[in-house]
Amino acid sequence: MGIDEKKVGSVTVWEQLKKKKYGKIYIMLGINEIGNDIAGTTAKYRRLVDGIRTEQPDALIFLQANLHVAPSAETSLISNARIDELNTNLEGMADNSHIYYINVNGIFDDGNGALTADYTSDGIHVLAKYYATWCDWLCQ
């Protein structure tokens, strides 16, 4: 099921976007697709961003980089190199006027550019106790 059909509660993202005016919209998607075709994932992301701009033309959109994974989670398809490729594509969508690219990896990465092992239990997702750190970073 794609984003056009997926419901949060009883509404799709498109229905929610029509309900009220938003000043800022933060998007972080793609880690579950990192093993797929990066160009295809980027095209779908672009379509989402374009759709949000149509529904919310005055909103600022913040594209969040996908987090790196710990070395223990890397495979031939799920790798920090592929994550960086997708993130570079996302950064290319930013116009720094209405669409901004932000990258929190510097907060969570180890010295080698991978998710710090102590910050995760599965090598992919940041532990909940670090959400406050992430939130503080976003608020800056």
C-alpha atoms as a PDB file:
ATOM      1  CA  MET A   1       0.000   0.000   0.000  1.00  0.00           C
ATOM      2  CA  GLY A   2       1.409   3.372  -1.003  1.00  0.00           C
ATOM      3  CA  ILE A   3       1.090   6.761   0.607  1.00  0.00           C
ATOM      4  CA  ASP A   4      -1.923   7.612  -1.553  1.00  0.00           C
ATOM      5  CA  GLU A   5      -3.989   4.855   0.075  1.00  0.00           C
ATOM      6  CA  LYS A   6      -2.383   4.476   3.517  1.00  0.00           C
ATOM      7  CA  LYS A   7      -4.572   5.896   6.258  1.00  0.00           C
ATOM      8  CA  VAL A   8      -3.522   7.409   9.540  1.00  0.00           C
ATOM      9  CA  GLY A   9      -6.554   7.031  11.699  1.00  0.00           C
ATOM     10  CA  SER A  10      -9.376   7.392   9.219  1.00  0.00           C
ATOM     11  CA  VAL A  11      -7.773   9.723   6.653  1.00  0.00           C
ATOM     12  CA  THR A  12      -5.061   9.664   4.016  1.00  0.00           C
ATOM     13  CA  VAL A  13      -2.205  12.158   4.066  1.00  0.00           C
ATOM     14  CA  TRP A  14      -3.923  14.045   1.243  1.00  0.00           C
ATOM     15  CA  GLU A  15      -7.182  14.296   3.179  1.00  0.00           C
ATOM     16  CA  GLN A  16      -5.305  15.519   6.239  1.00  0.00           C
ATOM     17  CA  LEU A  17      -3.472  18.162   4.203  1.00  0.00           C
ATOM     18  CA  LYS A  18      -6.833  19.556   3.068  1.00  0.00           C
ATOM     19  CA  LYS A  19      -8.184  19.858   6.620  1.00  0.00           C
ATOM     20  CA  LYS A  20      -6.103  22.809   7.766  1.00  0.00           C
ATOM     21  CA  LYS A  21      -3.276  25.139   6.867  1.00  0.00           C
ATOM     22  CA  TYR A  22       0.199  24.065   8.007  1.00  0.00           C
ATOM     23  CA  GLY A  23       3.156  26.382   8.473  1.00  0.00           C
ATOM     24  CA  LYS A  24       5.817  23.655   8.525  1.00  0.00           C
ATOM     25  CA  ILE A  25       5.807  20.067   7.336  1.00  0.00           C
ATOM     26  CA  TYR A  26       8.596  17.639   8.216  1.00  0.00           C
ATOM     27  CA  ILE A  27       9.118  14.525   6.105  1.00  0.00           C
ATOM     28  CA  MET A  28      11.371  11.570   6.799  1.00  0.00           C
ATOM     29  CA  LEU A  29      10.714   8.566   4.599  1.00  0.00           C
ATOM     30  CA  GLY A  30      12.751   6.068   2.666  1.00  0.00           C
ATOM     31  CA  ILE A  31      14.695   3.791   5.009  1.00  0.00           C
ATOM     32  CA  ASN A  32      12.280   0.909   4.335  1.00  0.00           C
ATOM     33  CA  GLU A  33      12.832   1.394   0.594  1.00  0.00           C
ATOM     34  CA  ILE A  34      16.625   1.682   0.724  1.00  0.00           C
ATOM     35  CA  GLY A  35      17.024  -1.844  -0.642  1.00  0.00           C
ATOM     36  CA  ASN A  36      14.921  -0.956  -3.693  1.00  0.00           C
ATOM     37  CA  ASP A  37      15.722   1.168  -6.715  1.00  0.00           C
ATOM     38  CA  ILE A  38      17.012   4.519  -5.395  1.00  0.00           C
ATOM     39  CA  ALA A  39      15.908   6.427  -8.514  1.00  0.00           C
ATOM     40  CA  GLY A  40      12.379   5.012  -8.194  1.00  0.00           C
ATOM     41  CA  THR A  41      12.227   5.878  -4.508  1.00  0.00           C
ATOM     42  CA  THR A  42      13.458   9.388  -5.287  1.00  0.00           C
ATOM     43  CA  ALA A  43      10.777   9.824  -7.966  1.00  0.00           C
ATOM     44  CA  LYS A  44       8.053   8.797  -5.504  1.00  0.00           C
ATOM     45  CA  TYR A  45       9.474  11.177  -2.918  1.00  0.00           C
ATOM     46  CA  ARG A  46       9.466  13.998  -5.479  1.00  0.00           C
ATOM     47  CA  ARG A  47       5.828  13.273  -6.296  1.00  0.00           C
ATOM     48  CA  LEU A  48       4.979  13.446  -2.595  1.00  0.00           C
ATOM     49  CA  VAL A  49       6.800  16.756  -2.161  1.00  0.00           C
ATOM     50  CA  ASP A  50       5.126  18.199  -5.268  1.00  0.00           C
ATOM     51  CA  GLY A  51       1.727  17.065  -3.982  1.00  0.00           C
ATOM     52  CA  ILE A  52       2.334  18.656  -0.598  1.00  0.00           C
ATOM     53  CA  ARG A  53       3.398  21.910  -2.298  1.00  0.00           C
ATOM     54  CA  THR A  54       0.142  21.832  -4.278  1.00  0.00           C
ATOM     55  CA  GLU A  55      -2.017  21.234  -1.181  1.00  0.00           C
ATOM     56  CA  GLN A  56       0.000  23.497   1.152  1.00  0.00           C
ATOM     57  CA  PRO A  57       1.679  26.125  -1.064  1.00  0.00           C
ATOM     58  CA  ASP A  58       2.626  28.389   1.856  1.00  0.00           C
ATOM     59  CA  ALA A  59       4.058  25.689   4.105  1.00  0.00           C
ATOM     60  CA  LEU A  60       7.775  25.270   4.610  1.00  0.00           C
ATOM     61  CA  ILE A  61       8.776  21.678   3.899  1.00  0.00           C
ATOM     62  CA  PHE A  62      11.710  20.124   5.723  1.00  0.00           C
ATOM     63  CA  LEU A  63      13.134  16.978   4.145  1.00  0.00           C
ATOM     64  CA  GLN A  64      14.942  15.035   6.821  1.00  0.00           C
ATOM     65  CA  ALA A  65      17.859  12.879   5.797  1.00  0.00           C
ATOM     66  CA  ASN A  66      17.464   9.193   6.460  1.00  0.00           C
ATOM     67  CA  LEU A  67      19.520   8.042   9.407  1.00  0.00           C
ATOM     68  CA  HIS A  68      22.556   5.910   8.797  1.00  0.00           C
ATOM     69  CA  VAL A  69      22.570   2.357  10.083  1.00  0.00           C
ATOM     70  CA  ALA A  70      25.064   0.724  12.420  1.00  0.00           C
ATOM     71  CA  PRO A  71      27.683  -1.515  10.789  1.00  0.00           C
ATOM     72  CA  SER A  72      25.887  -4.574  12.212  1.00  0.00           C
ATOM     73  CA  ALA A  73      22.795  -3.744  10.110  1.00  0.00           C
ATOM     74  CA  GLU A  74      24.554  -3.188   6.786  1.00  0.00           C
ATOM     75  CA  THR A  75      24.021  -5.631   3.932  1.00  0.00           C
ATOM     76  CA  SER A  76      24.680  -5.405   0.214  1.00  0.00           C
ATOM     77  CA  LEU A  77      21.350  -3.577  -0.233  1.00  0.00           C
ATOM     78  CA  ILE A  78      21.023  -1.764   3.087  1.00  0.00           C
ATOM     79  CA  SER A  79      24.166   0.287   3.420  1.00  0.00           C
ATOM     80  CA  ASN A  80      25.204   3.743   4.463  1.00  0.00           C
ATOM     81  CA  ALA A  81      26.466   4.327   0.933  1.00  0.00           C
ATOM     82  CA  ARG A  82      22.940   3.709  -0.419  1.00  0.00           C
ATOM     83  CA  ILE A  83      21.442   5.856   2.347  1.00  0.00           C
ATOM     84  CA  ASP A  84      23.858   8.643   1.398  1.00  0.00           C
ATOM     85  CA  GLU A  85      22.816   8.273  -2.249  1.00  0.00           C
ATOM     86  CA  LEU A  86      19.142   8.687  -1.356  1.00  0.00           C
ATOM     87  CA  ASN A  87      19.943  11.558   1.008  1.00  0.00           C
ATOM     88  CA  THR A  88      21.902  13.320  -1.739  1.00  0.00           C
ATOM     89  CA  ASN A  89      18.855  13.017  -3.990  1.00  0.00           C
ATOM     90  CA  LEU A  90      16.652  14.457  -1.253  1.00  0.00           C
ATOM     91  CA  GLU A  91      19.073  17.318  -0.719  1.00  0.00           C
ATOM     92  CA  GLY A  92      18.795  18.048  -4.444  1.00  0.00           C
ATOM     93  CA  MET A  93      15.055  18.645  -4.029  1.00  0.00           C
ATOM     94  CA  ALA A  94      15.631  21.514  -1.618  1.00  0.00           C
ATOM     95  CA  ASP A  95      15.266  25.011  -3.016  1.00  0.00           C
ATOM     96  CA  ASN A  96      16.165  26.650   0.331  1.00  0.00           C
ATOM     97  CA  SER A  97      13.149  28.882  -0.084  1.00  0.00           C
ATOM     98  CA  HIS A  98      10.138  26.617   0.450  1.00  0.00           C
ATOM     99  CA  ILE A  99      11.841  23.238   0.708  1.00  0.00           C
ATOM    100  CA  TYR A 100      14.781  22.647   3.029  1.00  0.00           C
ATOM    101  CA  TYR A 101      17.023  19.642   3.550  1.00  0.00           C
ATOM    102  CA  ILE A 102      18.135  18.898   7.104  1.00  0.00           C
ATOM    103  CA  ASN A 103      20.500  16.161   8.221  1.00  0.00           C
ATOM    104  CA  VAL A 104      20.588  14.975  11.827  1.00  0.00           C
ATOM    105  CA  ASN A 105      23.146  12.227  11.157  1.00  0.00           C
ATOM    106  CA  GLY A 106      25.897  14.306  12.761  1.00  0.00           C
ATOM    107  CA  ILE A 107      24.146  13.921  16.114  1.00  0.00           C
ATOM    108  CA  PHE A 108      23.843  10.130  15.933  1.00  0.00           C
ATOM    109  CA  ASP A 109      26.809   8.996  13.828  1.00  0.00           C
ATOM    110  CA  ASP A 110      29.985   7.492  15.202  1.00  0.00           C
ATOM    111  CA  GLY A 111      33.403   8.612  13.942  1.00  0.00           C
ATOM    112  CA  ASN A 112      33.036   6.440  10.824  1.00  0.00           C
ATOM    113  CA  GLY A 113      29.727   7.858   9.550  1.00  0.00           C
ATOM    114  CA  ALA A 114      27.561   5.013  10.840  1.00  0.00           C
ATOM    115  CA  LEU A 115      24.801   5.032  13.439  1.00  0.00           C
ATOM    116  CA  THR A 116      26.459   4.744  16.852  1.00  0.00           C
ATOM    117  CA  ALA A 117      25.874   1.207  18.113  1.00  0.00           C
ATOM    118  CA  ASP A 118      24.913   2.382  21.621  1.00  0.00           C
ATOM    119  CA  TYR A 119      22.092   4.522  20.187  1.00  0.00           C
ATOM    120  CA  THR A 120      20.208   1.556  18.705  1.00  0.00           C
ATOM    121  CA  SER A 121      19.051  -1.944  19.596  1.00  0.00           C
ATOM    122  CA  ASP A 122      18.516  -3.181  16.026  1.00  0.00           C
ATOM    123  CA  GLY A 123      21.189  -1.216  14.153  1.00  0.00           C
ATOM    124  CA  ILE A 124      18.573   0.807  12.258  1.00  0.00           C
ATOM    125  CA  HIS A 125      16.241   2.681  14.612  1.00  0.00           C
ATOM    126  CA  VAL A 126      17.344   5.182  17.243  1.00  0.00           C
ATOM    127  CA  LEU A 127      16.307   4.243  20.771  1.00  0.00           C
ATOM    128  CA  ALA A 128      13.362   6.243  22.134  1.00  0.00           C
ATOM    129  CA  LYS A 129      15.523   7.785  24.856  1.00  0.00           C
ATOM    130  CA  TYR A 130      17.320   9.758  22.096  1.00  0.00           C
ATOM    131  CA  TYR A 131      14.141  11.291  20.658  1.00  0.00           C
ATOM    132  CA  ALA A 132      14.509  14.275  23.002  1.00  0.00           C
ATOM    133  CA  THR A 133      17.993  14.886  21.571  1.00  0.00           C
ATOM    134  CA  TRP A 134      16.540  14.723  18.075  1.00  0.00           C
ATOM    135  CA  CYS A 135      13.700  17.064  19.030  1.00  0.00           C
ATOM    136  CA  ASP A 136      16.103  19.559  20.587  1.00  0.00           C
ATOM    137  CA  TRP A 137      18.168  19.497  17.386  1.00  0.00           C
ATOM    138  CA  LEU A 138      15.062  20.106  15.250  1.00  0.00           C
ATOM    139  CA  CYS A 139      13.981  23.003  17.445  1.00  0.00           C
ATOM    140  CA  GLN A 140      17.305  24.751  16.919  1.00  0.00           C
END
